[in-house]
Amino acid sequence: MYGKIKRKVAVGDTIELGMNSAVELCKYSKSSVTTILKKLEKLGLIDCIQKGKQGRHTGRASLYRRIA
């Protein structure tokens, strides 16, 4: 998944990753996407700027910044 983020976003830039957009980007299941994103944060490859809010009409996805 980090390889696909790396191709799309430069170092220091932000990417908006809601659940559906993350699934479309990496072609994984919804349950595994959250664990992969947490693992990438723990490794220090990405940083969560803004936590997303659950719901169809909220319109707020998670914002991540690519560090490495």
C-alpha atoms as a PDB file:
ATOM      1  CA  MET A   1       0.000   0.000   0.000  1.00  0.00           C
ATOM      2  CA  TYR A   2       2.856   2.372   0.760  1.00  0.00           C
ATOM      3  CA  GLY A   3       4.173   1.882  -2.771  1.00  0.00           C
ATOM      4  CA  LYS A   4       0.889   3.110  -4.202  1.00  0.00           C
ATOM      5  CA  ILE A   5       0.832   6.097  -1.846  1.00  0.00           C
ATOM      6  CA  LYS A   6       4.460   6.801  -2.786  1.00  0.00           C
ATOM      7  CA  ARG A   7       3.600   6.944  -6.485  1.00  0.00           C
ATOM      8  CA  LYS A   8       0.668   9.295  -5.908  1.00  0.00           C
ATOM      9  CA  VAL A   9       2.020  11.729  -3.277  1.00  0.00           C
ATOM     10  CA  ALA A  10       5.376  13.516  -2.940  1.00  0.00           C
ATOM     11  CA  VAL A  11       7.231  13.685   0.383  1.00  0.00           C
ATOM     12  CA  GLY A  12       5.663  16.298   2.648  1.00  0.00           C
ATOM     13  CA  ASP A  13       2.379  16.468   0.711  1.00  0.00           C
ATOM     14  CA  THR A  14      -0.990  15.423   2.095  1.00  0.00           C
ATOM     15  CA  ILE A  15      -3.450  12.851   0.831  1.00  0.00           C
ATOM     16  CA  GLU A  16      -7.103  12.476   1.710  1.00  0.00           C
ATOM     17  CA  LEU A  17      -7.852   8.831   2.447  1.00  0.00           C
ATOM     18  CA  GLY A  18     -11.404   7.999   3.328  1.00  0.00           C
ATOM     19  CA  MET A  19     -12.324   4.364   3.636  1.00  0.00           C
ATOM     20  CA  ASN A  20     -13.658   4.034   0.089  1.00  0.00           C
ATOM     21  CA  SER A  21     -10.823   5.956  -1.527  1.00  0.00           C
ATOM     22  CA  ALA A  22      -8.233   3.894   0.374  1.00  0.00           C
ATOM     23  CA  VAL A  23      -9.882   0.656  -0.747  1.00  0.00           C
ATOM     24  CA  GLU A  24      -9.928   1.869  -4.365  1.00  0.00           C
ATOM     25  CA  LEU A  25      -6.295   2.962  -4.177  1.00  0.00           C
ATOM     26  CA  CYS A  26      -4.825  -0.235  -2.785  1.00  0.00           C
ATOM     27  CA  LYS A  27      -7.420  -2.912  -3.662  1.00  0.00           C
ATOM     28  CA  TYR A  28      -7.539  -4.370  -0.133  1.00  0.00           C
ATOM     29  CA  SER A  29     -10.539  -5.149   2.037  1.00  0.00           C
ATOM     30  CA  LYS A  30     -11.959  -2.479   4.342  1.00  0.00           C
ATOM     31  CA  SER A  31     -10.945  -4.396   7.447  1.00  0.00           C
ATOM     32  CA  SER A  32      -7.293  -4.646   6.425  1.00  0.00           C
ATOM     33  CA  VAL A  33      -6.938  -1.014   5.298  1.00  0.00           C
ATOM     34  CA  THR A  34      -7.220   0.368   8.828  1.00  0.00           C
ATOM     35  CA  THR A  35      -4.583  -2.004  10.197  1.00  0.00           C
ATOM     36  CA  ILE A  36      -2.221  -1.213   7.313  1.00  0.00           C
ATOM     37  CA  LEU A  37      -2.588   2.554   7.847  1.00  0.00           C
ATOM     38  CA  LYS A  38      -1.926   2.156  11.576  1.00  0.00           C
ATOM     39  CA  LYS A  39       1.173   0.091  10.797  1.00  0.00           C
ATOM     40  CA  LEU A  40       2.460   2.734   8.358  1.00  0.00           C
ATOM     41  CA  GLU A  41       1.959   5.393  11.052  1.00  0.00           C
ATOM     42  CA  LYS A  42       3.821   3.276  13.597  1.00  0.00           C
ATOM     43  CA  LEU A  43       6.739   2.824  11.172  1.00  0.00           C
ATOM     44  CA  GLY A  44       6.896   6.597  10.656  1.00  0.00           C
ATOM     45  CA  LEU A  45       6.145   6.578   6.936  1.00  0.00           C
ATOM     46  CA  ILE A  46       2.915   8.590   7.138  1.00  0.00           C
ATOM     47  CA  ASP A  47       1.386  10.900   9.743  1.00  0.00           C
ATOM     48  CA  CYS A  48      -2.317  11.393  10.441  1.00  0.00           C
ATOM     49  CA  ILE A  49      -3.122  15.105  10.396  1.00  0.00           C
ATOM     50  CA  GLN A  50      -6.899  14.930  10.790  1.00  0.00           C
ATOM     51  CA  LYS A  51      -8.947  11.948  11.874  1.00  0.00           C
ATOM     52  CA  GLY A  52     -11.953  11.232   9.679  1.00  0.00           C
ATOM     53  CA  LYS A  53     -15.511  11.098  10.893  1.00  0.00           C
ATOM     54  CA  GLN A  54     -17.694   8.104  10.208  1.00  0.00           C
ATOM     55  CA  GLY A  55     -20.917   8.561   8.283  1.00  0.00           C
ATOM     56  CA  ARG A  56     -22.234   9.053   4.808  1.00  0.00           C
ATOM     57  CA  HIS A  57     -23.150  12.721   5.110  1.00  0.00           C
ATOM     58  CA  THR A  58     -20.256  13.995   7.233  1.00  0.00           C
ATOM     59  CA  GLY A  59     -17.916  14.512   4.293  1.00  0.00           C
ATOM     60  CA  ARG A  60     -14.785  14.350   6.449  1.00  0.00           C
ATOM     61  CA  ALA A  61     -12.111  11.842   5.510  1.00  0.00           C
ATOM     62  CA  SER A  62      -8.767  11.250   7.206  1.00  0.00           C
ATOM     63  CA  LEU A  63      -5.864  13.413   6.083  1.00  0.00           C
ATOM     64  CA  TYR A  64      -2.397  11.879   6.014  1.00  0.00           C
ATOM     65  CA  ARG A  65       1.002  13.451   5.321  1.00  0.00           C
ATOM     66  CA  ARG A  66       3.762  11.427   3.714  1.00  0.00           C
ATOM     67  CA  ILE A  67       6.916  11.713   5.809  1.00  0.00           C
ATOM     68  CA  ALA A  68       9.397   9.387   4.103  1.00  0.00           C
END
